[in-house]
C-alpha atoms as a PDB file:
ATOM      1  CA  MET A   1     100.673 120.923 112.256  1.00  0.00           C
ATOM      2  CA  ILE A   2      98.777 120.981 115.584  1.00  0.00           C
ATOM      3  CA  LEU A   3      97.955 117.550 117.092  1.00  0.00           C
ATOM      4  CA  ASP A   4      94.791 116.882 119.063  1.00  0.00           C
ATOM      5  CA  ASP A   5      95.800 115.792 122.351  1.00  0.00           C
ATOM      6  CA  ALA A   6      93.860 112.778 122.129  1.00  0.00           C
ATOM      7  CA  LEU A   7      95.332 111.777 118.851  1.00  0.00           C
ATOM      8  CA  LEU A   8      98.862 112.311 120.354  1.00  0.00           C
ATOM      9  CA  ALA A   9      97.818 110.304 123.566  1.00  0.00           C
ATOM     10  CA  THR A  10      96.505 107.595 121.402  1.00  0.00           C
ATOM     11  CA  LEU A  11      99.744 107.198 119.352  1.00  0.00           C
ATOM     12  CA  LEU A  12     101.923 107.509 122.469  1.00  0.00           C
ATOM     13  CA  ASN A  13     100.220 104.792 124.251  1.00  0.00           C
ATOM     14  CA  ALA A  14      99.750 102.333 121.076  1.00  0.00           C
ATOM     15  CA  LYS A  15     101.192  98.982 121.315  1.00  0.00           C
ATOM     16  CA  HIS A  16     100.720  97.616 117.848  1.00  0.00           C
ATOM     17  CA  ILE A  17     100.270 100.153 114.884  1.00  0.00           C
ATOM     18  CA  VAL A  18      99.472  98.813 111.391  1.00  0.00           C
ATOM     19  CA  VAL A  19     100.201 101.428 108.546  1.00  0.00           C
ATOM     20  CA  PHE A  20      98.185 100.819 105.376  1.00  0.00           C
ATOM     21  CA  THR A  21      99.169 102.758 102.294  1.00  0.00           C
ATOM     22  CA  GLY A  22      97.870 103.196  98.739  1.00  0.00           C
ATOM     23  CA  ALA A  23      98.588 104.751  95.440  1.00  0.00           C
ATOM     24  CA  GLY A  24      98.458 108.468  96.833  1.00  0.00           C
ATOM     25  CA  MET A  25     101.710 107.775  98.951  1.00  0.00           C
ATOM     26  CA  SER A  26     103.463 106.556  95.842  1.00  0.00           C
ATOM     27  CA  ALA A  27     102.347 109.392  93.787  1.00  0.00           C
ATOM     28  CA  GLU A  28     103.963 111.856  95.905  1.00  0.00           C
ATOM     29  CA  SER A  29     107.345 110.351  94.488  1.00  0.00           C
ATOM     30  CA  GLY A  30     106.285 111.110  91.054  1.00  0.00           C
ATOM     31  CA  ILE A  31     104.744 107.458  90.441  1.00  0.00           C
ATOM     32  CA  ALA A  32     101.522 107.713  88.377  1.00  0.00           C
ATOM     33  CA  THR A  33      98.527 105.925  89.885  1.00  0.00           C
ATOM     34  CA  PHE A  34      97.381 102.934  87.912  1.00  0.00           C
ATOM     35  CA  ARG A  35      94.576 104.584  85.994  1.00  0.00           C
ATOM     36  CA  ASP A  36      96.725 107.696  85.240  1.00  0.00           C
ATOM     37  CA  ALA A  37      97.135 108.406  81.359  1.00  0.00           C
ATOM     38  CA  GLY A  38     100.231 106.616  80.081  1.00  0.00           C
ATOM     39  CA  THR A  39     102.453 108.011  77.401  1.00  0.00           C
ATOM     40  CA  GLY A  40     103.046 107.282  73.834  1.00  0.00           C
ATOM     41  CA  LEU A  41     102.146 103.902  72.913  1.00  0.00           C
ATOM     42  CA  TRP A  42     100.188 103.144  76.343  1.00  0.00           C
ATOM     43  CA  GLU A  43      97.590 105.806  75.534  1.00  0.00           C
ATOM     44  CA  GLN A  44      95.806 103.633  73.226  1.00  0.00           C
ATOM     45  CA  TYR A  45      95.270 100.814  75.598  1.00  0.00           C
ATOM     46  CA  ASP A  46      92.952 100.221  78.700  1.00  0.00           C
ATOM     47  CA  PRO A  47      95.018  99.218  81.965  1.00  0.00           C
ATOM     48  CA  SER A  48      92.517  96.920  82.777  1.00  0.00           C
ATOM     49  CA  VAL A  49      92.915  94.902  79.668  1.00  0.00           C
ATOM     50  CA  LEU A  50      96.671  94.795  80.205  1.00  0.00           C
ATOM     51  CA  ALA A  51      96.359  93.935  83.808  1.00  0.00           C
ATOM     52  CA  SER A  52      94.836  90.687  83.002  1.00  0.00           C
ATOM     53  CA  SER A  53      95.918  87.011  82.398  1.00  0.00           C
ATOM     54  CA  GLN A  54      93.531  87.267  79.131  1.00  0.00           C
ATOM     55  CA  GLY A  55      95.643  90.270  77.904  1.00  0.00           C
ATOM     56  CA  TYR A  56      98.739  88.460  78.633  1.00  0.00           C
ATOM     57  CA  ARG A  57      97.804  85.568  76.627  1.00  0.00           C
ATOM     58  CA  ALA A  58      96.628  87.800  73.720  1.00  0.00           C
ATOM     59  CA  ASP A  59      99.977  89.645  73.662  1.00  0.00           C
ATOM     60  CA  LYS A  60     102.787  88.759  76.071  1.00  0.00           C
ATOM     61  CA  ALA A  61     105.047  91.416  74.592  1.00  0.00           C
ATOM     62  CA  LEU A  62     102.704  94.192  74.808  1.00  0.00           C
ATOM     63  CA  VAL A  63     101.882  93.603  78.308  1.00  0.00           C
ATOM     64  CA  TRP A  64     105.507  92.969  79.412  1.00  0.00           C
ATOM     65  CA  GLY A  65     106.623  96.073  77.648  1.00  0.00           C
ATOM     66  CA  TRP A  66     104.119  98.169  79.688  1.00  0.00           C
ATOM     67  CA  TYR A  67     105.078  96.509  83.031  1.00  0.00           C
ATOM     68  CA  GLU A  68     108.528  97.059  82.359  1.00  0.00           C
ATOM     69  CA  TRP A  69     107.955 100.622  81.422  1.00  0.00           C
ATOM     70  CA  ARG A  70     106.124 100.951  84.860  1.00  0.00           C
ATOM     71  CA  ARG A  71     109.257  99.221  86.870  1.00  0.00           C
ATOM     72  CA  MET A  72     111.659 101.433  85.054  1.00  0.00           C
ATOM     73  CA  ARG A  73     109.810 104.630  86.201  1.00  0.00           C
ATOM     74  CA  VAL A  74     109.715 103.234  89.902  1.00  0.00           C
ATOM     75  CA  LEU A  75     113.379 102.430  89.701  1.00  0.00           C
ATOM     76  CA  ARG A  76     113.943 105.932  88.967  1.00  0.00           C
ATOM     77  CA  ALA A  77     111.959 107.394  91.484  1.00  0.00           C
ATOM     78  CA  GLU A  78     112.855 108.106  95.296  1.00  0.00           C
ATOM     79  CA  PRO A  79     111.184 107.470  98.732  1.00  0.00           C
ATOM     80  CA  ASN A  80     109.652 110.724  99.767  1.00  0.00           C
ATOM     81  CA  ALA A  81     109.228 112.111 103.226  1.00  0.00           C
ATOM     82  CA  GLY A  82     106.064 110.249 104.016  1.00  0.00           C
ATOM     83  CA  HIS A  83     107.973 106.935 103.450  1.00  0.00           C
ATOM     84  CA  ILE A  84     110.929 107.851 105.490  1.00  0.00           C
ATOM     85  CA  ALA A  85     108.531 109.076 108.366  1.00  0.00           C
ATOM     86  CA  VAL A  86     106.674 105.667 108.233  1.00  0.00           C
ATOM     87  CA  ALA A  87     110.230 103.967 108.543  1.00  0.00           C
ATOM     88  CA  GLU A  88     111.306 106.177 111.532  1.00  0.00           C
ATOM     89  CA  LEU A  89     108.068 105.440 113.181  1.00  0.00           C
ATOM     90  CA  THR A  90     108.815 101.781 113.037  1.00  0.00           C
ATOM     91  CA  LYS A  91     111.829 102.285 115.240  1.00  0.00           C
ATOM     92  CA  ARG A  92     109.826 104.268 117.922  1.00  0.00           C
ATOM     93  CA  VAL A  93     106.823 102.114 118.569  1.00  0.00           C
ATOM     94  CA  ASP A  94     106.718  98.582 120.306  1.00  0.00           C
ATOM     95  CA  GLN A  95     105.262  97.049 117.003  1.00  0.00           C
ATOM     96  CA  LEU A  96     104.417  98.321 113.642  1.00  0.00           C
ATOM     97  CA  THR A  97     103.225  96.500 110.751  1.00  0.00           C
ATOM     98  CA  LEU A  98     103.064  97.970 107.040  1.00  0.00           C
ATOM     99  CA  ILE A  99     100.679  96.706 104.656  1.00  0.00           C
ATOM    100  CA  THR A 100     100.831  98.102 101.187  1.00  0.00           C
ATOM    101  CA  GLN A 101      98.572  97.989  97.986  1.00  0.00           C
ATOM    102  CA  ASN A 102     101.504  99.543  96.070  1.00  0.00           C
ATOM    103  CA  VAL A 103     103.334  97.299  93.852  1.00  0.00           C
ATOM    104  CA  ASP A 104     106.593  99.365  94.096  1.00  0.00           C
ATOM    105  CA  ASP A 105     109.662  99.174  96.444  1.00  0.00           C
ATOM    106  CA  LEU A 106     109.587 102.633  98.070  1.00  0.00           C
ATOM    107  CA  HIS A 107     108.746 101.486 101.481  1.00  0.00           C
ATOM    108  CA  GLU A 108     111.491  98.791 101.392  1.00  0.00           C
ATOM    109  CA  ARG A 109     114.255 101.307  99.912  1.00  0.00           C
ATOM    110  CA  SER A 110     113.283 103.993 102.537  1.00  0.00           C
ATOM    111  CA  GLY A 111     114.359 101.335 105.388  1.00  0.00           C
ATOM    112  CA  ASN A 112     111.066  98.915 106.216  1.00  0.00           C
ATOM    113  CA  THR A 113     112.489  95.894 105.994  1.00  0.00           C
ATOM    114  CA  SER A 114     109.103  93.826 106.207  1.00  0.00           C
ATOM    115  CA  VAL A 115     106.399  94.827 103.952  1.00  0.00           C
ATOM    116  CA  ILE A 116     103.224  93.020 103.087  1.00  0.00           C
ATOM    117  CA  HIS A 117     102.467  93.598  99.540  1.00  0.00           C
ATOM    118  CA  LEU A 118      98.742  92.752  99.082  1.00  0.00           C
ATOM    119  CA  HIS A 119      98.952  93.362  95.317  1.00  0.00           C
ATOM    120  CA  GLY A 120     102.129  91.798  94.661  1.00  0.00           C
ATOM    121  CA  SER A 121     105.266  93.664  93.378  1.00  0.00           C
ATOM    122  CA  LEU A 122     106.766  94.632  90.040  1.00  0.00           C
ATOM    123  CA  HIS A 123     109.990  93.403  91.441  1.00  0.00           C
ATOM    124  CA  SER A 124     108.905  90.013  92.063  1.00  0.00           C
ATOM    125  CA  PRO A 125     108.041  88.175  88.524  1.00  0.00           C
ATOM    126  CA  ARG A 126     107.187  84.610  88.244  1.00  0.00           C
ATOM    127  CA  CYS A 127     106.614  81.998  85.478  1.00  0.00           C
ATOM    128  CA  PHE A 128     103.391  82.128  83.878  1.00  0.00           C
ATOM    129  CA  THR A 129     103.403  78.367  83.620  1.00  0.00           C
ATOM    130  CA  CYS A 130     105.113  76.772  86.622  1.00  0.00           C
ATOM    131  CA  ALA A 131     104.943  80.131  89.031  1.00  0.00           C
ATOM    132  CA  ARG A 132     108.579  79.700  90.050  1.00  0.00           C
ATOM    133  CA  PRO A 133     110.239  83.003  90.824  1.00  0.00           C
ATOM    134  CA  TYR A 134     112.522  84.731  88.461  1.00  0.00           C
ATOM    135  CA  THR A 135     115.197  87.523  89.410  1.00  0.00           C
ATOM    136  CA  PHE A 136     115.853  90.422  87.351  1.00  0.00           C
ATOM    137  CA  PRO A 137     119.612  91.324  86.628  1.00  0.00           C
ATOM    138  CA  ASP A 138     120.924  93.956  89.072  1.00  0.00           C
ATOM    139  CA  GLY A 139     120.860  97.569  88.583  1.00  0.00           C
ATOM    140  CA  ILE A 140     118.967  99.857  86.028  1.00  0.00           C
ATOM    141  CA  PRO A 141     119.591  99.436  82.169  1.00  0.00           C
ATOM    142  CA  ASN A 142     121.365 102.307  80.684  1.00  0.00           C
ATOM    143  CA  GLU A 143     118.563 102.716  78.152  1.00  0.00           C
ATOM    144  CA  PRO A 144     114.989 102.567  79.392  1.00  0.00           C
ATOM    145  CA  VAL A 145     113.323  99.167  78.338  1.00  0.00           C
ATOM    146  CA  GLY A 146     109.792 100.307  79.038  1.00  0.00           C
ATOM    147  CA  GLY A 147     107.735 102.348  76.664  1.00  0.00           C
ATOM    148  CA  ARG A 148     107.556  99.740  73.908  1.00  0.00           C
ATOM    149  CA  ARG A 149     106.598  96.159  73.225  1.00  0.00           C
ATOM    150  CA  LEU A 150     109.096  93.730  74.752  1.00  0.00           C
ATOM    151  CA  GLU A 151     109.153  90.053  74.700  1.00  0.00           C
ATOM    152  CA  PRO A 152     109.249  88.675  78.225  1.00  0.00           C
ATOM    153  CA  PRO A 153     112.239  86.598  79.378  1.00  0.00           C
ATOM    154  CA  GLN A 154     111.985  82.790  79.375  1.00  0.00           C
ATOM    155  CA  CYS A 155     111.697  80.563  82.649  1.00  0.00           C
ATOM    156  CA  ASN A 156     114.927  78.676  83.534  1.00  0.00           C
ATOM    157  CA  HIS A 157     113.149  75.741  84.563  1.00  0.00           C
ATOM    158  CA  CYS A 158     110.375  75.016  82.246  1.00  0.00           C
ATOM    159  CA  LYS A 159     111.148  77.397  79.299  1.00  0.00           C
ATOM    160  CA  GLY A 160     107.642  79.220  79.986  1.00  0.00           C
ATOM    161  CA  THR A 161     107.593  82.930  79.870  1.00  0.00           C
ATOM    162  CA  ILE A 162     107.763  85.235  82.657  1.00  0.00           C
ATOM    163  CA  ARG A 163     105.024  87.203  83.992  1.00  0.00           C
ATOM    164  CA  PRO A 164     104.890  90.467  86.206  1.00  0.00           C
ATOM    165  CA  GLY A 165     104.460  89.662  89.927  1.00  0.00           C
ATOM    166  CA  VAL A 166     101.368  91.688  90.643  1.00  0.00           C
ATOM    167  CA  VAL A 167      97.862  90.700  91.201  1.00  0.00           C
ATOM    168  CA  TRP A 168      95.930  91.044  87.967  1.00  0.00           C
ATOM    169  CA  PHE A 169      91.970  91.471  87.487  1.00  0.00           C
ATOM    170  CA  GLY A 170      90.169  88.339  88.124  1.00  0.00           C
ATOM    171  CA  GLU A 171      92.875  86.847  90.403  1.00  0.00           C
ATOM    172  CA  MET A 172      92.810  86.196  94.004  1.00  0.00           C
ATOM    173  CA  LEU A 173      95.228  88.033  96.553  1.00  0.00           C
ATOM    174  CA  SER A 174      97.969  86.054  97.867  1.00  0.00           C
ATOM    175  CA  GLU A 175      96.582  83.988 100.484  1.00  0.00           C
ATOM    176  CA  ALA A 176      99.697  84.315 102.850  1.00  0.00           C
ATOM    177  CA  ALA A 177      99.758  87.999 102.455  1.00  0.00           C
ATOM    178  CA  TRP A 178      96.046  88.547 103.364  1.00  0.00           C
ATOM    179  CA  LYS A 179      96.144  86.250 106.353  1.00  0.00           C
ATOM    180  CA  GLN A 180      99.341  88.370 107.647  1.00  0.00           C
ATOM    181  CA  ALA A 181      97.531  91.456 106.970  1.00  0.00           C
ATOM    182  CA  GLU A 182      94.123  90.314 108.592  1.00  0.00           C
ATOM    183  CA  GLN A 183      96.143  88.923 111.555  1.00  0.00           C
ATOM    184  CA  ALA A 184      97.813  92.433 112.044  1.00  0.00           C
ATOM    185  CA  THR A 185      94.465  94.147 111.534  1.00  0.00           C
ATOM    186  CA  LEU A 186      92.915  92.191 114.243  1.00  0.00           C
ATOM    187  CA  THR A 187      95.760  92.707 116.847  1.00  0.00           C
ATOM    188  CA  CYS A 188      96.335  96.339 116.348  1.00  0.00           C
ATOM    189  CA  ASP A 189      95.298  99.496 118.548  1.00  0.00           C
ATOM    190  CA  VAL A 190      95.987 102.123 115.873  1.00  0.00           C
ATOM    191  CA  PHE A 191      95.337 101.700 112.118  1.00  0.00           C
ATOM    192  CA  PHE A 192      96.848 104.294 109.675  1.00  0.00           C
ATOM    193  CA  SER A 193      95.091 104.394 106.129  1.00  0.00           C
ATOM    194  CA  ILE A 194      97.381 106.555 104.033  1.00  0.00           C
ATOM    195  CA  GLY A 195      97.021 107.758 100.441  1.00  0.00           C
ATOM    196  CA  THR A 196      94.272 105.296  99.588  1.00  0.00           C
ATOM    197  CA  SER A 197      90.864 105.855  98.168  1.00  0.00           C
ATOM    198  CA  SER A 198      89.413 102.874 100.266  1.00  0.00           C
ATOM    199  CA  LEU A 199      87.523 101.587  97.314  1.00  0.00           C
ATOM    200  CA  VAL A 200      89.482  98.667  96.103  1.00  0.00           C
ATOM    201  CA  TRP A 201      88.171  95.612  97.924  1.00  0.00           C
ATOM    202  CA  PRO A 202      89.254  93.478  99.877  1.00  0.00           C
ATOM    203  CA  ALA A 203      91.886  95.736 100.739  1.00  0.00           C
ATOM    204  CA  ALA A 204      89.201  98.441 101.599  1.00  0.00           C
ATOM    205  CA  GLN A 205      87.824  96.141 104.283  1.00  0.00           C
ATOM    206  CA  LEU A 206      91.014  96.242 106.428  1.00  0.00           C
ATOM    207  CA  PRO A 207      90.386  99.694 108.416  1.00  0.00           C
ATOM    208  CA  VAL A 208      86.766  98.852 108.784  1.00  0.00           C
ATOM    209  CA  MET A 209      87.648  95.580 110.366  1.00  0.00           C
ATOM    210  CA  ALA A 210      90.218  97.326 112.468  1.00  0.00           C
ATOM    211  CA  SER A 211      87.657  99.835 113.773  1.00  0.00           C
ATOM    212  CA  ALA A 212      85.013  97.059 114.522  1.00  0.00           C
ATOM    213  CA  ASN A 213      87.729  95.351 116.509  1.00  0.00           C
ATOM    214  CA  GLY A 214      88.415  98.383 118.633  1.00  0.00           C
ATOM    215  CA  ALA A 215      91.211  99.964 116.912  1.00  0.00           C
ATOM    216  CA  LYS A 216      91.500 103.849 116.334  1.00  0.00           C
ATOM    217  CA  VAL A 217      91.479 104.726 112.602  1.00  0.00           C
ATOM    218  CA  ILE A 218      93.532 107.403 111.410  1.00  0.00           C
ATOM    219  CA  GLN A 219      93.223 108.450 107.791  1.00  0.00           C
ATOM    220  CA  VAL A 220      95.762 110.592 105.997  1.00  0.00           C
ATOM    221  CA  ASN A 221      94.608 111.865 102.884  1.00  0.00           C
ATOM    222  CA  PRO A 222      94.362 115.122 100.838  1.00  0.00           C
ATOM    223  CA  GLY A 223      90.638 114.543  99.955  1.00  0.00           C
ATOM    224  CA  ALA A 224      87.538 112.829 101.059  1.00  0.00           C
ATOM    225  CA  THR A 225      87.398 109.142 100.589  1.00  0.00           C
ATOM    226  CA  ALA A 226      84.878 106.314 101.461  1.00  0.00           C
ATOM    227  CA  LEU A 227      86.616 106.039 104.712  1.00  0.00           C
ATOM    228  CA  ASP A 228      85.641 109.395 106.142  1.00  0.00           C
ATOM    229  CA  ASN A 229      82.706 108.350 108.209  1.00  0.00           C
ATOM    230  CA  LYS A 230      84.229 105.532 109.707  1.00  0.00           C
ATOM    231  CA  ALA A 231      87.711 106.844 110.822  1.00  0.00           C
ATOM    232  CA  HIS A 232      88.093 108.253 114.133  1.00  0.00           C
ATOM    233  CA  TYR A 233      90.636 110.955 112.846  1.00  0.00           C
ATOM    234  CA  ASN A 234      90.828 112.553 109.376  1.00  0.00           C
ATOM    235  CA  LEU A 235      94.277 114.305 108.808  1.00  0.00           C
ATOM    236  CA  ARG A 236      94.096 116.116 105.499  1.00  0.00           C
ATOM    237  CA  GLY A 237      97.065 116.738 103.622  1.00  0.00           C
ATOM    238  CA  LYS A 238      99.916 114.566 101.864  1.00  0.00           C
ATOM    239  CA  ALA A 239     101.610 111.727 103.482  1.00  0.00           C
ATOM    240  CA  GLY A 240     105.146 113.709 103.039  1.00  0.00           C
ATOM    241  CA  GLU A 241     103.769 116.488 105.255  1.00  0.00           C
ATOM    242  CA  VAL A 242     101.579 114.876 107.476  1.00  0.00           C
ATOM    243  CA  MET A 243     103.344 111.786 108.617  1.00  0.00           C
ATOM    244  CA  PRO A 244     106.822 113.697 109.210  1.00  0.00           C
ATOM    245  CA  ALA A 245     104.847 116.159 111.519  1.00  0.00           C
ATOM    246  CA  LEU A 246     103.276 113.148 113.455  1.00  0.00           C
ATOM    247  CA  LEU A 247     106.745 111.715 113.967  1.00  0.00           C
ATOM    248  CA  ASP A 248     108.061 115.025 115.199  1.00  0.00           C
ATOM    249  CA  ALA A 249     105.246 115.516 117.621  1.00  0.00           C
ATOM    250  CA  LEU A 250     105.986 112.007 119.065  1.00  0.00           C
ATOM    251  CA  ILE A 251     109.766 112.635 119.256  1.00  0.00           C
ATOM    252  CA  ALA A 252     108.855 115.863 121.150  1.00  0.00           C
ATOM    253  CA  HIS A 253     107.134 113.893 123.888  1.00  0.00           C
END
């Protein structure tokens, strides 16, 4: 991959880089995007119905089973070269803030210790009634528990049922997570948008906000997106190919 001299200079001179990732990055690790067809039982259901408080109230075992199916797939996946390159980049710049729309833990498992999860995490469930956090047992079950109806665990405090720790349709983003993401966006000089369609709001607002505040926006995506005409650089390709190449170029200089 041949880098534009101006792009390389931008990266070498950056004081604060924001890396903003979406579903395309996790897809390279074999994790289906949210709207991809499910298998077996899940082919019958609309994800937008399962990903809602109304759907959970209507059938808790169905919704919890679907999310556990997703979580088991994540636990069996591995970070890809893109995740690893971002983790390495963190060590080589003055400041890097990682913001993700993804609900998996692949960034953490690749070495990033501080990740802003705008849409929550499959690994941070909480009580549907009192909102207290719930901790999953350690390890991966010997038998897959996803792919079927499954009654949710019970809260140790109020005996309510546990819900997935993700942001559902109709719910607001975590105020704390959004404030962190917004602050980083307004103080960065380089903003990477990686593997995201730039269609889901308010998350899609971040690169636009960064550009308006003077940051250089670098998009990494195999295809065209809604951000194309706003990004300063459009790098066509997968994160697992482009990000290691960028890292190598920086190391070489």
